[in-house]
C-alpha atoms as a PDB file:
ATOM      1  CA  MET A   1     166.728  69.831 176.181  1.00  0.00           C
ATOM      2  CA  MET A   2     169.273  72.629 175.659  1.00  0.00           C
ATOM      3  CA  ALA A   3     169.184  72.123 171.880  1.00  0.00           C
ATOM      4  CA  LEU A   4     165.407  72.485 171.855  1.00  0.00           C
ATOM      5  CA  LEU A   5     165.639  75.647 173.949  1.00  0.00           C
ATOM      6  CA  MET A   6     168.215  77.121 171.566  1.00  0.00           C
ATOM      7  CA  LEU A   7     166.081  76.184 168.551  1.00  0.00           C
ATOM      8  CA  LEU A   8     162.979  77.792 170.033  1.00  0.00           C
ATOM      9  CA  THR A   9     164.941  80.899 171.027  1.00  0.00           C
ATOM     10  CA  GLY A  10     166.245  81.228 167.479  1.00  0.00           C
ATOM     11  CA  LEU A  11     162.778  80.840 165.987  1.00  0.00           C
ATOM     12  CA  VAL A  12     161.316  83.437 168.351  1.00  0.00           C
ATOM     13  CA  LEU A  13     164.094  85.904 167.511  1.00  0.00           C
ATOM     14  CA  LEU A  14     163.625  85.266 163.795  1.00  0.00           C
ATOM     15  CA  ALA A  15     159.872  85.844 164.041  1.00  0.00           C
ATOM     16  CA  ALA A  16     160.414  89.027 166.069  1.00  0.00           C
ATOM     17  CA  GLY A  17     162.850  90.309 163.446  1.00  0.00           C
ATOM     18  CA  VAL A  18     160.410  89.673 160.607  1.00  0.00           C
ATOM     19  CA  ILE A  19     157.613  91.420 162.510  1.00  0.00           C
ATOM     20  CA  LEU A  20     159.858  94.429 163.201  1.00  0.00           C
ATOM     21  CA  LEU A  21     160.845  94.637 159.529  1.00  0.00           C
ATOM     22  CA  VAL A  22     157.213  94.573 158.410  1.00  0.00           C
ATOM     23  CA  LEU A  23     156.227  97.254 160.932  1.00  0.00           C
ATOM     24  CA  GLU A  24     159.188  99.445 160.003  1.00  0.00           C
ATOM     25  CA  GLU A  25     158.343  99.166 156.317  1.00  0.00           C
ATOM     26  CA  ALA A  26     154.711 100.105 156.973  1.00  0.00           C
ATOM     27  CA  VAL A  27     155.716 103.187 158.976  1.00  0.00           C
ATOM     28  CA  GLY A  28     158.338 104.156 156.392  1.00  0.00           C
ATOM     29  CA  ARG A  29     155.837 104.085 153.531  1.00  0.00           C
ATOM     30  CA  ARG A  30     153.600 106.540 155.374  1.00  0.00           C
ATOM     31  CA  GLU A  31     156.455 108.974 155.954  1.00  0.00           C
ATOM     32  CA  GLY A  32     157.357 109.194 152.281  1.00  0.00           C
ATOM     33  CA  GLY A  33     160.774 109.033 150.649  1.00  0.00           C
ATOM     34  CA  ARG A  34     163.652 107.593 152.594  1.00  0.00           C
ATOM     35  CA  GLU A  35     167.071 106.304 151.776  1.00  0.00           C
ATOM     36  CA  PHE A  36     168.125 102.686 152.012  1.00  0.00           C
ATOM     37  CA  ARG A  37     170.640 101.748 154.672  1.00  0.00           C
ATOM     38  CA  GLY A  38     171.558  98.176 155.381  1.00  0.00           C
ATOM     39  CA  GLY A  39     174.251  95.639 155.934  1.00  0.00           C
ATOM     40  CA  PHE A  40     174.975  92.130 157.037  1.00  0.00           C
ATOM     41  CA  VAL A  41     177.135  90.073 159.358  1.00  0.00           C
ATOM     42  CA  VAL A  42     178.719  86.764 158.395  1.00  0.00           C
ATOM     43  CA  VAL A  43     180.184  84.825 161.305  1.00  0.00           C
ATOM     44  CA  VAL A  44     183.039  82.547 160.229  1.00  0.00           C
ATOM     45  CA  GLY A  45     184.073  80.586 163.274  1.00  0.00           C
ATOM     46  CA  PRO A  46     184.681  83.139 166.024  1.00  0.00           C
ATOM     47  CA  ILE A  47     185.307  86.000 163.577  1.00  0.00           C
ATOM     48  CA  PRO A  48     182.392  88.223 162.481  1.00  0.00           C
ATOM     49  CA  ILE A  49     182.691  89.864 159.048  1.00  0.00           C
ATOM     50  CA  VAL A  50     180.597  93.053 158.904  1.00  0.00           C
ATOM     51  CA  VAL A  51     179.506  94.901 155.751  1.00  0.00           C
ATOM     52  CA  GLY A  52     177.371  98.047 155.964  1.00  0.00           C
ATOM     53  CA  SER A  53     176.137 100.645 153.494  1.00  0.00           C
ATOM     54  CA  ASP A  54     177.357 103.491 155.697  1.00  0.00           C
ATOM     55  CA  GLU A  55     179.499 104.054 158.784  1.00  0.00           C
ATOM     56  CA  GLU A  56     176.621 104.243 161.260  1.00  0.00           C
ATOM     57  CA  THR A  57     175.135 100.966 160.033  1.00  0.00           C
ATOM     58  CA  GLY A  58     178.551  99.323 160.193  1.00  0.00           C
ATOM     59  CA  LYS A  59     179.075 100.437 163.800  1.00  0.00           C
ATOM     60  CA  THR A  60     175.634  99.158 164.777  1.00  0.00           C
ATOM     61  CA  LEU A  61     176.307  95.803 163.144  1.00  0.00           C
ATOM     62  CA  VAL A  62     179.684  95.501 164.881  1.00  0.00           C
ATOM     63  CA  ILE A  63     177.973  96.063 168.245  1.00  0.00           C
ATOM     64  CA  LEU A  64     175.320  93.473 167.383  1.00  0.00           C
ATOM     65  CA  ALA A  65     177.984  90.998 166.224  1.00  0.00           C
ATOM     66  CA  ILE A  66     179.861  91.399 169.515  1.00  0.00           C
ATOM     67  CA  ALA A  67     176.624  90.927 171.470  1.00  0.00           C
ATOM     68  CA  LEU A  68     175.786  87.826 169.429  1.00  0.00           C
ATOM     69  CA  SER A  69     179.252  86.403 170.062  1.00  0.00           C
ATOM     70  CA  LEU A  70     178.893  87.005 173.810  1.00  0.00           C
ATOM     71  CA  VAL A  71     175.470  85.338 173.877  1.00  0.00           C
ATOM     72  CA  ALA A  72     176.833  82.352 171.949  1.00  0.00           C
ATOM     73  CA  LEU A  73     179.775  82.110 174.355  1.00  0.00           C
ATOM     74  CA  ALA A  74     177.439  82.276 177.356  1.00  0.00           C
ATOM     75  CA  LEU A  75     175.182  79.565 175.906  1.00  0.00           C
ATOM     76  CA  PHE A  76     178.250  77.426 175.304  1.00  0.00           C
ATOM     77  CA  LEU A  77     179.605  77.893 178.830  1.00  0.00           C
ATOM     78  CA  VAL A  78     176.348  77.427 180.784  1.00  0.00           C
ATOM     79  CA  PRO A  79     176.237  73.615 180.367  1.00  0.00           C
ATOM     80  CA  LEU A  80     179.913  73.374 181.315  1.00  0.00           C
ATOM     81  CA  ILE A  81     179.417  75.419 184.477  1.00  0.00           C
ATOM     82  CA  LEU A  82     176.189  73.698 185.524  1.00  0.00           C
ATOM     83  CA  GLY A  83     177.853  70.436 184.705  1.00  0.00           C
END
C-alpha cells in the first residue's frame, strides 16, 4: 500500500513539473529574449550533488535537495513509527 502511494505521489509530482515547465516556456516566449539558467541534483545515497549554471540556481537546488532528503526521511520513518 505504501509503495503504491509513493509511486502515485511521484507520478503526480512529475506531471506537475512537466506542466509547470510547459507553462513557463509559453510565458517566456511571449516576453521575448531571456537567458538560460538551469541545473540538476544527483542524489547518491544520502549525499546530494548539486550543479547549477549560476549561484542563485545552485542555492535554490541545494534548498530543494535538502527538502527532498527530509521528505524521503519522513517517508522512511512513518512506517517505523506507525509500526
